[in-house]
Amino acid sequence: MTIEGFKAFNHDMTNKSGMKFEVGKTYHVDEPISFGADSNGFLMCSNIEDSCRYVDDPDMKIARVTGFGTVAEGFDTVYEYFDMYSVSDMTICNLMLREEVVEEILRGNELRACRFVNTGFMLTEKEREQFRKRFHNPIVDNCIRYAETVRYPKLELKKR
């Protein structure tokens, strides 16, 4: 099985465990592959916003990836995150430009926008206005206000 998706990294292209990744390379981990708190494998997601959930770096990088080999599927019904995978083999295809990431989310719906705004990806003031204009939705506006008052100040502190 081959899966196309996204993976978010810290600003230095490391994952949560500190492993360093490079664009164009393929990575392998030995089995057994599992998903969850004690997972084994490389985490990737079908949706950008779900991949951002696992990185708490305001300068995160997001890559398009291909997963293959052994695949374990995961989901979180509490937070409504689906289409998440732990794979034995993963190729880092390319890094997305910031504009590409924002455009991808703007093409989605309000739920995806809210979930994205509340991740570790810190939107600029201009990008927040783009979201407000695109969605004209009080729920999205509330998510943005929450991020501006609670989430982004915490990320700014981490950045220092």
C-alpha atoms as a PDB file:
ATOM      1  CA  MET A   1       0.000   0.000   0.000  1.00  0.00           C
ATOM      2  CA  THR A   2       1.278   3.477  -0.906  1.00  0.00           C
ATOM      3  CA  ILE A   3      -0.060   6.619   0.743  1.00  0.00           C
ATOM      4  CA  GLU A   4       0.499  10.230  -0.288  1.00  0.00           C
ATOM      5  CA  GLY A   5       0.265  12.734   2.528  1.00  0.00           C
ATOM      6  CA  PHE A   6       1.952  15.272   4.739  1.00  0.00           C
ATOM      7  CA  LYS A   7       4.417  15.334   7.599  1.00  0.00           C
ATOM      8  CA  ALA A   8       5.255  18.321   9.763  1.00  0.00           C
ATOM      9  CA  PHE A   9       8.754  18.822  11.162  1.00  0.00           C
ATOM     10  CA  ASN A  10      10.454  21.164  13.568  1.00  0.00           C
ATOM     11  CA  HIS A  11      12.241  24.121  11.936  1.00  0.00           C
ATOM     12  CA  ASP A  12      15.457  22.058  11.712  1.00  0.00           C
ATOM     13  CA  MET A  13      13.711  19.136   9.938  1.00  0.00           C
ATOM     14  CA  THR A  14      13.683  16.931  13.033  1.00  0.00           C
ATOM     15  CA  ASN A  15      10.677  15.043  14.345  1.00  0.00           C
ATOM     16  CA  LYS A  16       9.426  14.784  17.936  1.00  0.00           C
ATOM     17  CA  SER A  17      12.072  12.156  18.675  1.00  0.00           C
ATOM     18  CA  GLY A  18      14.891  14.349  17.356  1.00  0.00           C
ATOM     19  CA  MET A  19      15.516  12.304  14.198  1.00  0.00           C
ATOM     20  CA  LYS A  20      16.783  14.472  11.322  1.00  0.00           C
ATOM     21  CA  PHE A  21      15.165  14.184   7.871  1.00  0.00           C
ATOM     22  CA  GLU A  22      16.185  15.397   4.408  1.00  0.00           C
ATOM     23  CA  VAL A  23      14.165  16.096   1.294  1.00  0.00           C
ATOM     24  CA  GLY A  24      14.552  13.406  -1.354  1.00  0.00           C
ATOM     25  CA  LYS A  25      15.581  10.674   1.059  1.00  0.00           C
ATOM     26  CA  THR A  26      13.712   7.515   1.978  1.00  0.00           C
ATOM     27  CA  TYR A  27      13.649   6.263   5.559  1.00  0.00           C
ATOM     28  CA  HIS A  28      12.938   2.801   6.951  1.00  0.00           C
ATOM     29  CA  VAL A  29      12.127   1.475  10.400  1.00  0.00           C
ATOM     30  CA  ASP A  30      11.968  -2.185  11.327  1.00  0.00           C
ATOM     31  CA  GLU A  31       8.675  -3.778  12.234  1.00  0.00           C
ATOM     32  CA  PRO A  32       6.393  -4.184  14.057  1.00  0.00           C
ATOM     33  CA  ILE A  33       4.685  -0.991  12.928  1.00  0.00           C
ATOM     34  CA  SER A  34       2.048   0.404  15.254  1.00  0.00           C
ATOM     35  CA  PHE A  35       0.097   3.592  15.854  1.00  0.00           C
ATOM     36  CA  GLY A  36      -0.474   5.334  19.159  1.00  0.00           C
ATOM     37  CA  ALA A  37       1.453   6.575  22.172  1.00  0.00           C
ATOM     38  CA  ASP A  38       4.084   3.831  21.888  1.00  0.00           C
ATOM     39  CA  SER A  39       4.075   3.776  18.097  1.00  0.00           C
ATOM     40  CA  ASN A  40       6.784   2.424  15.888  1.00  0.00           C
ATOM     41  CA  GLY A  41       7.018   3.847  12.390  1.00  0.00           C
ATOM     42  CA  PHE A  42       6.951   7.204  10.686  1.00  0.00           C
ATOM     43  CA  LEU A  43       3.843   9.282  11.320  1.00  0.00           C
ATOM     44  CA  MET A  44       2.149  10.909   8.334  1.00  0.00           C
ATOM     45  CA  CYS A  45      -1.313  12.277   7.688  1.00  0.00           C
ATOM     46  CA  SER A  46      -3.642  12.756   4.741  1.00  0.00           C
ATOM     47  CA  ASN A  47      -4.463  16.292   5.911  1.00  0.00           C
ATOM     48  CA  ILE A  48      -1.957  19.066   6.583  1.00  0.00           C
ATOM     49  CA  GLU A  49      -3.763  20.214   9.714  1.00  0.00           C
ATOM     50  CA  ASP A  50      -3.551  16.756  11.277  1.00  0.00           C
ATOM     51  CA  SER A  51       0.211  16.560  10.691  1.00  0.00           C
ATOM     52  CA  CYS A  52       0.683  19.961  12.367  1.00  0.00           C
ATOM     53  CA  ARG A  53      -0.905  18.615  15.518  1.00  0.00           C
ATOM     54  CA  TYR A  54       2.280  16.690  16.310  1.00  0.00           C
ATOM     55  CA  VAL A  55       4.705  19.611  16.092  1.00  0.00           C
ATOM     56  CA  ASP A  56       4.845  22.512  18.513  1.00  0.00           C
ATOM     57  CA  ASP A  57       7.278  24.743  16.656  1.00  0.00           C
ATOM     58  CA  PRO A  58       6.091  28.115  15.306  1.00  0.00           C
ATOM     59  CA  ASP A  59       8.645  27.778  12.488  1.00  0.00           C
ATOM     60  CA  MET A  60       7.598  24.254  11.532  1.00  0.00           C
ATOM     61  CA  LYS A  61       8.163  22.906   8.053  1.00  0.00           C
ATOM     62  CA  ILE A  62       5.619  20.794   6.195  1.00  0.00           C
ATOM     63  CA  ALA A  63       6.561  18.244   3.576  1.00  0.00           C
ATOM     64  CA  ARG A  64       4.687  16.161   1.065  1.00  0.00           C
ATOM     65  CA  VAL A  65       5.591  12.566   1.769  1.00  0.00           C
ATOM     66  CA  THR A  66       4.930   9.096   0.413  1.00  0.00           C
ATOM     67  CA  GLY A  67       4.475   6.260   2.853  1.00  0.00           C
ATOM     68  CA  PHE A  68       4.716   2.603   1.937  1.00  0.00           C
ATOM     69  CA  GLY A  69       5.705  -0.820   3.221  1.00  0.00           C
ATOM     70  CA  THR A  70       3.832  -1.798   6.349  1.00  0.00           C
ATOM     71  CA  VAL A  71       1.084   0.665   7.225  1.00  0.00           C
ATOM     72  CA  ALA A  72      -0.855   1.070  10.479  1.00  0.00           C
ATOM     73  CA  GLU A  73      -3.854   3.385  10.331  1.00  0.00           C
ATOM     74  CA  GLY A  74      -4.832   5.557  13.259  1.00  0.00           C
ATOM     75  CA  PHE A  75      -7.631   7.902  14.216  1.00  0.00           C
ATOM     76  CA  ASP A  76      -8.693   9.972  17.175  1.00  0.00           C
ATOM     77  CA  THR A  77     -12.457  10.188  17.550  1.00  0.00           C
ATOM     78  CA  VAL A  78     -12.201  12.599  20.488  1.00  0.00           C
ATOM     79  CA  TYR A  79     -10.476  15.333  18.467  1.00  0.00           C
ATOM     80  CA  GLU A  80     -11.792  14.123  15.088  1.00  0.00           C
ATOM     81  CA  TYR A  81      -8.402  13.412  13.529  1.00  0.00           C
ATOM     82  CA  PHE A  82      -8.598  10.704  10.894  1.00  0.00           C
ATOM     83  CA  ASP A  83      -6.461   9.376   8.056  1.00  0.00           C
ATOM     84  CA  MET A  84      -3.292   9.251  10.136  1.00  0.00           C
ATOM     85  CA  TYR A  85      -0.733   6.566   9.456  1.00  0.00           C
ATOM     86  CA  SER A  86       2.397   5.018  10.880  1.00  0.00           C
ATOM     87  CA  VAL A  87       4.486   3.568   8.047  1.00  0.00           C
ATOM     88  CA  SER A  88       7.629   1.460   7.874  1.00  0.00           C
ATOM     89  CA  ASP A  89       8.997   3.386   4.881  1.00  0.00           C
ATOM     90  CA  MET A  90       8.645   7.051   4.013  1.00  0.00           C
ATOM     91  CA  THR A  91      10.086   9.298   1.309  1.00  0.00           C
ATOM     92  CA  ILE A  92      10.288  13.046   1.907  1.00  0.00           C
ATOM     93  CA  CYS A  93       9.153  14.285  -1.535  1.00  0.00           C
ATOM     94  CA  ASN A  94       9.363  18.056  -1.131  1.00  0.00           C
ATOM     95  CA  LEU A  95       8.962  20.868   1.357  1.00  0.00           C
ATOM     96  CA  MET A  96       5.923  23.036   0.853  1.00  0.00           C
ATOM     97  CA  LEU A  97       6.252  26.784   0.675  1.00  0.00           C
ATOM     98  CA  ARG A  98       4.331  28.639   3.358  1.00  0.00           C
ATOM     99  CA  GLU A  99       2.001  30.036   0.685  1.00  0.00           C
ATOM    100  CA  GLU A 100       1.220  26.509  -0.543  1.00  0.00           C
ATOM    101  CA  VAL A 101       0.306  25.388   2.966  1.00  0.00           C
ATOM    102  CA  VAL A 102      -2.026  28.340   3.533  1.00  0.00           C
ATOM    103  CA  GLU A 103      -3.626  27.958   0.076  1.00  0.00           C
ATOM    104  CA  GLU A 104      -4.255  24.249   0.716  1.00  0.00           C
ATOM    105  CA  ILE A 105      -6.158  25.059   3.907  1.00  0.00           C
ATOM    106  CA  LEU A 106      -8.032  27.965   2.310  1.00  0.00           C
ATOM    107  CA  ARG A 107      -9.362  25.524  -0.312  1.00  0.00           C
ATOM    108  CA  GLY A 108     -10.866  23.408   2.468  1.00  0.00           C
ATOM    109  CA  ASN A 109     -13.848  23.882   4.720  1.00  0.00           C
ATOM    110  CA  GLU A 110     -14.400  25.671   8.042  1.00  0.00           C
ATOM    111  CA  LEU A 111     -13.617  22.594  10.150  1.00  0.00           C
ATOM    112  CA  ARG A 112     -10.242  22.119   8.495  1.00  0.00           C
ATOM    113  CA  ALA A 113      -9.503  25.846   8.882  1.00  0.00           C
ATOM    114  CA  CYS A 114     -10.285  25.814  12.602  1.00  0.00           C
ATOM    115  CA  ARG A 115      -8.241  22.698  13.231  1.00  0.00           C
ATOM    116  CA  PHE A 116      -5.324  24.219  11.326  1.00  0.00           C
ATOM    117  CA  VAL A 117      -5.480  27.576  13.109  1.00  0.00           C
ATOM    118  CA  ASN A 118      -5.281  25.792  16.473  1.00  0.00           C
ATOM    119  CA  THR A 119      -2.115  23.823  15.626  1.00  0.00           C
ATOM    120  CA  GLY A 120       1.467  24.940  16.099  1.00  0.00           C
ATOM    121  CA  PHE A 121       1.504  26.638  12.674  1.00  0.00           C
ATOM    122  CA  MET A 122       1.495  30.344  13.471  1.00  0.00           C
ATOM    123  CA  LEU A 123      -0.380  32.400  10.884  1.00  0.00           C
ATOM    124  CA  THR A 124       0.700  35.950  10.138  1.00  0.00           C
ATOM    125  CA  GLU A 125      -1.768  38.808  10.541  1.00  0.00           C
ATOM    126  CA  LYS A 126      -2.230  38.926   6.762  1.00  0.00           C
ATOM    127  CA  GLU A 127      -2.938  35.174   6.632  1.00  0.00           C
ATOM    128  CA  ARG A 128      -5.468  35.442   9.466  1.00  0.00           C
ATOM    129  CA  GLU A 129      -7.286  38.115   7.464  1.00  0.00           C
ATOM    130  CA  GLN A 130      -7.274  35.804   4.428  1.00  0.00           C
ATOM    131  CA  PHE A 131      -8.975  33.133   6.555  1.00  0.00           C
ATOM    132  CA  ARG A 132     -11.561  35.598   7.852  1.00  0.00           C
ATOM    133  CA  LYS A 133     -12.394  36.822   4.333  1.00  0.00           C
ATOM    134  CA  ARG A 134     -12.506  33.345   2.821  1.00  0.00           C
ATOM    135  CA  PHE A 135     -14.774  31.746   5.417  1.00  0.00           C
ATOM    136  CA  HIS A 136     -16.996  34.604   6.715  1.00  0.00           C
ATOM    137  CA  ASN A 137     -17.779  32.348   9.641  1.00  0.00           C
ATOM    138  CA  PRO A 138     -17.997  33.255  13.342  1.00  0.00           C
ATOM    139  CA  ILE A 139     -16.598  29.844  14.292  1.00  0.00           C
ATOM    140  CA  VAL A 140     -13.450  30.394  12.220  1.00  0.00           C
ATOM    141  CA  ASP A 141     -13.184  33.921  13.619  1.00  0.00           C
ATOM    142  CA  ASN A 142     -13.446  32.532  17.169  1.00  0.00           C
ATOM    143  CA  CYS A 143     -10.679  30.015  16.412  1.00  0.00           C
ATOM    144  CA  ILE A 144      -8.466  32.813  15.127  1.00  0.00           C
ATOM    145  CA  ARG A 145      -9.171  34.977  18.193  1.00  0.00           C
ATOM    146  CA  TYR A 146      -8.361  32.028  20.469  1.00  0.00           C
ATOM    147  CA  ALA A 147      -5.091  31.431  18.623  1.00  0.00           C
ATOM    148  CA  GLU A 148      -4.192  35.134  18.808  1.00  0.00           C
ATOM    149  CA  THR A 149      -4.840  35.391  22.537  1.00  0.00           C
ATOM    150  CA  VAL A 150      -3.817  31.954  23.825  1.00  0.00           C
ATOM    151  CA  ARG A 151      -1.939  29.792  21.330  1.00  0.00           C
ATOM    152  CA  TYR A 152       0.314  32.285  19.525  1.00  0.00           C
ATOM    153  CA  PRO A 153       1.640  34.034  22.657  1.00  0.00           C
ATOM    154  CA  LYS A 154       2.756  30.615  23.998  1.00  0.00           C
ATOM    155  CA  LEU A 155       4.461  29.807  20.708  1.00  0.00           C
ATOM    156  CA  GLU A 156       6.206  33.192  20.691  1.00  0.00           C
ATOM    157  CA  LEU A 157       7.656  32.427  24.138  1.00  0.00           C
ATOM    158  CA  LYS A 158       8.985  29.093  22.877  1.00  0.00           C
ATOM    159  CA  LYS A 159      10.573  30.820  19.914  1.00  0.00           C
ATOM    160  CA  ARG A 160      12.779  32.998  22.112  1.00  0.00           C
END
